[in-house]
Amino acid sequence: LRAVAAGTALGPVAGSASVPGAASAASPQAAFPDSSGAVRGAAGGSPAGVVARIQVGSYRDAARAEAAARSMAALGLAAVVEESGPYRRVALYVRAADRARVEAVLDKAGWKDRLVKEIRE
């Protein structure tokens, strides 16, 4: 699981160009970039306040997944790259208050195909 962002789906990251390193997490929901740009974990469940996971792509080629994550960063959204077998999935974790805005940003930028999973605590 690796987070890449200049901003975050959970709010902008002031003065941050990227989120360093990979998070060591047991599940894709266990790590995400917070408002400071740091990757943090939430043991045993989804990150606090997150209500949806929006997957914008799934790639066999790691370079294409990283490029998609950088595209999300250029839109001001934090993406995580989750490894699953031979695939790398690019996803955003969003709060209820931000979901409509994030989906509007994705639509405007042409990212219309996506998979949305509701997260219930």
C-alpha atoms as a PDB file:
ATOM      1  CA  LEU A   1       0.000   0.000   0.000  1.00  0.00           C
ATOM      2  CA  ARG A   2       1.532   3.287  -1.069  1.00  0.00           C
ATOM      3  CA  ALA A   3       0.081   6.769  -0.856  1.00  0.00           C
ATOM      4  CA  VAL A   4       0.918   9.388  -3.457  1.00  0.00           C
ATOM      5  CA  ALA A   5      -0.400  12.923  -3.123  1.00  0.00           C
ATOM      6  CA  ALA A   6       0.086  16.621  -3.463  1.00  0.00           C
ATOM      7  CA  GLY A   7      -3.271  17.037  -1.774  1.00  0.00           C
ATOM      8  CA  THR A   8      -5.722  14.653  -0.277  1.00  0.00           C
ATOM      9  CA  ALA A   9      -9.266  13.495  -0.840  1.00  0.00           C
ATOM     10  CA  LEU A  10      -9.620  14.165   2.870  1.00  0.00           C
ATOM     11  CA  GLY A  11      -8.484  17.810   2.539  1.00  0.00           C
ATOM     12  CA  PRO A  12      -5.582  19.754   1.028  1.00  0.00           C
ATOM     13  CA  VAL A  13      -2.042  19.146   2.182  1.00  0.00           C
ATOM     14  CA  ALA A  14      -0.303  22.453   2.744  1.00  0.00           C
ATOM     15  CA  GLY A  15       3.259  22.610   1.435  1.00  0.00           C
ATOM     16  CA  SER A  16       3.550  18.931   0.577  1.00  0.00           C
ATOM     17  CA  ALA A  17       4.636  17.624  -2.815  1.00  0.00           C
ATOM     18  CA  SER A  18       4.325  13.930  -1.985  1.00  0.00           C
ATOM     19  CA  VAL A  19       3.650  11.440   0.726  1.00  0.00           C
ATOM     20  CA  PRO A  20       6.855   9.484   1.375  1.00  0.00           C
ATOM     21  CA  GLY A  21       7.261   5.755   1.579  1.00  0.00           C
ATOM     22  CA  ALA A  22       4.881   2.915   1.923  1.00  0.00           C
ATOM     23  CA  ALA A  23       2.625   2.160   4.830  1.00  0.00           C
ATOM     24  CA  SER A  24       2.794  -1.228   6.431  1.00  0.00           C
ATOM     25  CA  ALA A  25      -0.840  -2.194   6.686  1.00  0.00           C
ATOM     26  CA  ALA A  26      -2.701  -5.453   6.816  1.00  0.00           C
ATOM     27  CA  SER A  27      -5.617  -4.153   4.757  1.00  0.00           C
ATOM     28  CA  PRO A  28      -6.094  -1.513   2.053  1.00  0.00           C
ATOM     29  CA  GLN A  29      -8.291   0.447   4.464  1.00  0.00           C
ATOM     30  CA  ALA A  30      -5.655   0.588   7.182  1.00  0.00           C
ATOM     31  CA  ALA A  31      -3.468   3.385   5.816  1.00  0.00           C
ATOM     32  CA  PHE A  32      -4.166   6.727   4.202  1.00  0.00           C
ATOM     33  CA  PRO A  33      -2.666  10.179   4.011  1.00  0.00           C
ATOM     34  CA  ASP A  34      -4.085  12.486   6.667  1.00  0.00           C
ATOM     35  CA  SER A  35      -4.447  16.266   6.410  1.00  0.00           C
ATOM     36  CA  SER A  36      -0.759  16.745   7.293  1.00  0.00           C
ATOM     37  CA  GLY A  37       0.331  14.481   4.422  1.00  0.00           C
ATOM     38  CA  ALA A  38       1.596  11.752   6.745  1.00  0.00           C
ATOM     39  CA  VAL A  39       0.514   8.189   6.109  1.00  0.00           C
ATOM     40  CA  ARG A  40      -1.097   6.764   9.204  1.00  0.00           C
ATOM     41  CA  GLY A  41      -2.901   3.580  10.041  1.00  0.00           C
ATOM     42  CA  ALA A  42      -6.152   2.699  11.730  1.00  0.00           C
ATOM     43  CA  ALA A  43      -5.790  -0.756  13.227  1.00  0.00           C
ATOM     44  CA  GLY A  44      -8.610  -3.160  12.579  1.00  0.00           C
ATOM     45  CA  GLY A  45     -10.808  -1.085  10.301  1.00  0.00           C
ATOM     46  CA  SER A  46     -11.342   1.858   8.029  1.00  0.00           C
ATOM     47  CA  PRO A  47      -9.762   5.250   8.711  1.00  0.00           C
ATOM     48  CA  ALA A  48     -11.835   7.413  11.042  1.00  0.00           C
ATOM     49  CA  GLY A  49     -14.344   9.571   9.195  1.00  0.00           C
ATOM     50  CA  VAL A  50     -13.972   7.764   5.873  1.00  0.00           C
ATOM     51  CA  VAL A  51     -17.214   6.621   4.290  1.00  0.00           C
ATOM     52  CA  ALA A  52     -16.238   5.548   0.778  1.00  0.00           C
ATOM     53  CA  ARG A  53     -13.397   4.037  -1.213  1.00  0.00           C
ATOM     54  CA  ILE A  54     -13.320   5.261  -4.814  1.00  0.00           C
ATOM     55  CA  GLN A  55     -11.201   3.070  -7.096  1.00  0.00           C
ATOM     56  CA  VAL A  56     -10.173   4.955 -10.223  1.00  0.00           C
ATOM     57  CA  GLY A  57      -8.052   2.265 -11.856  1.00  0.00           C
ATOM     58  CA  SER A  58      -6.496  -1.189 -11.707  1.00  0.00           C
ATOM     59  CA  TYR A  59      -3.233  -1.853 -13.547  1.00  0.00           C
ATOM     60  CA  ARG A  60      -0.787  -4.712 -14.112  1.00  0.00           C
ATOM     61  CA  ASP A  61       1.920  -2.174 -14.973  1.00  0.00           C
ATOM     62  CA  ALA A  62       3.238  -0.464 -11.829  1.00  0.00           C
ATOM     63  CA  ALA A  63       4.343   2.588 -13.837  1.00  0.00           C
ATOM     64  CA  ARG A  64       0.794   3.145 -15.096  1.00  0.00           C
ATOM     65  CA  ALA A  65      -0.583   2.851 -11.551  1.00  0.00           C
ATOM     66  CA  GLU A  66       1.960   5.400 -10.290  1.00  0.00           C
ATOM     67  CA  ALA A  67       1.087   7.701 -13.208  1.00  0.00           C
ATOM     68  CA  ALA A  68      -2.609   7.472 -12.286  1.00  0.00           C
ATOM     69  CA  ALA A  69      -1.751   8.275  -8.656  1.00  0.00           C
ATOM     70  CA  ARG A  70       0.269  11.289  -9.819  1.00  0.00           C
ATOM     71  CA  SER A  71      -2.726  12.375 -11.921  1.00  0.00           C
ATOM     72  CA  MET A  72      -4.851  12.275  -8.786  1.00  0.00           C
ATOM     73  CA  ALA A  73      -2.212  14.361  -6.972  1.00  0.00           C
ATOM     74  CA  ALA A  74      -2.314  16.916  -9.796  1.00  0.00           C
ATOM     75  CA  LEU A  75      -6.064  17.198  -9.128  1.00  0.00           C
ATOM     76  CA  GLY A  76      -5.362  17.807  -5.441  1.00  0.00           C
ATOM     77  CA  LEU A  77      -6.473  14.323  -4.386  1.00  0.00           C
ATOM     78  CA  ALA A  78      -4.519  11.720  -2.429  1.00  0.00           C
ATOM     79  CA  ALA A  79      -4.471   8.280  -3.950  1.00  0.00           C
ATOM     80  CA  VAL A  80      -3.273   5.021  -2.494  1.00  0.00           C
ATOM     81  CA  VAL A  81      -1.794   2.330  -4.696  1.00  0.00           C
ATOM     82  CA  GLU A  82      -2.873  -1.051  -3.330  1.00  0.00           C
ATOM     83  CA  GLU A  83      -1.184  -4.230  -4.523  1.00  0.00           C
ATOM     84  CA  SER A  84      -3.457  -7.206  -5.130  1.00  0.00           C
ATOM     85  CA  GLY A  85      -1.818 -10.152  -6.847  1.00  0.00           C
ATOM     86  CA  PRO A  86      -0.499  -8.952 -10.209  1.00  0.00           C
ATOM     87  CA  TYR A  87      -2.597  -5.762 -10.046  1.00  0.00           C
ATOM     88  CA  ARG A  88      -2.104  -2.334  -8.536  1.00  0.00           C
ATOM     89  CA  ARG A  89      -5.346  -0.586  -7.680  1.00  0.00           C
ATOM     90  CA  VAL A  90      -5.481   3.190  -7.451  1.00  0.00           C
ATOM     91  CA  ALA A  91      -8.046   4.392  -4.917  1.00  0.00           C
ATOM     92  CA  LEU A  92      -9.173   7.392  -2.889  1.00  0.00           C
ATOM     93  CA  TYR A  93     -10.688   7.264   0.599  1.00  0.00           C
ATOM     94  CA  VAL A  94     -13.177  10.081   1.217  1.00  0.00           C
ATOM     95  CA  ARG A  95     -15.414  11.469   3.935  1.00  0.00           C
ATOM     96  CA  ALA A  96     -19.130  12.052   3.398  1.00  0.00           C
ATOM     97  CA  ALA A  97     -18.661  15.825   3.346  1.00  0.00           C
ATOM     98  CA  ASP A  98     -16.070  15.553   0.531  1.00  0.00           C
ATOM     99  CA  ARG A  99     -17.504  12.765  -1.607  1.00  0.00           C
ATOM    100  CA  ALA A 100     -19.619  14.871  -4.007  1.00  0.00           C
ATOM    101  CA  ARG A 101     -16.754  17.350  -4.502  1.00  0.00           C
ATOM    102  CA  VAL A 102     -14.234  14.575  -5.144  1.00  0.00           C
ATOM    103  CA  GLU A 103     -16.530  12.851  -7.655  1.00  0.00           C
ATOM    104  CA  ALA A 104     -17.157  16.188  -9.412  1.00  0.00           C
ATOM    105  CA  VAL A 105     -13.379  16.765  -9.679  1.00  0.00           C
ATOM    106  CA  LEU A 106     -12.938  13.266 -11.126  1.00  0.00           C
ATOM    107  CA  ASP A 107     -15.792  13.799 -13.630  1.00  0.00           C
ATOM    108  CA  LYS A 108     -14.427  17.160 -14.790  1.00  0.00           C
ATOM    109  CA  ALA A 109     -10.971  15.637 -15.305  1.00  0.00           C
ATOM    110  CA  GLY A 110     -12.406  12.737 -17.348  1.00  0.00           C
ATOM    111  CA  TRP A 111     -12.093   9.981 -14.707  1.00  0.00           C
ATOM    112  CA  LYS A 112     -15.684   8.809 -15.189  1.00  0.00           C
ATOM    113  CA  ASP A 113     -15.158   5.050 -14.761  1.00  0.00           C
ATOM    114  CA  ARG A 114     -14.722   4.167 -11.119  1.00  0.00           C
ATOM    115  CA  LEU A 115     -15.736   1.663  -8.498  1.00  0.00           C
ATOM    116  CA  VAL A 116     -17.230   3.043  -5.282  1.00  0.00           C
ATOM    117  CA  LYS A 117     -17.435   0.958  -2.122  1.00  0.00           C
ATOM    118  CA  GLU A 118     -19.339   2.262   0.877  1.00  0.00           C
ATOM    119  CA  ILE A 119     -17.525   1.732   4.184  1.00  0.00           C
ATOM    120  CA  ARG A 120     -19.700   1.127   7.219  1.00  0.00           C
ATOM    121  CA  GLU A 121     -18.249   1.221  10.720  1.00  0.00           C
END
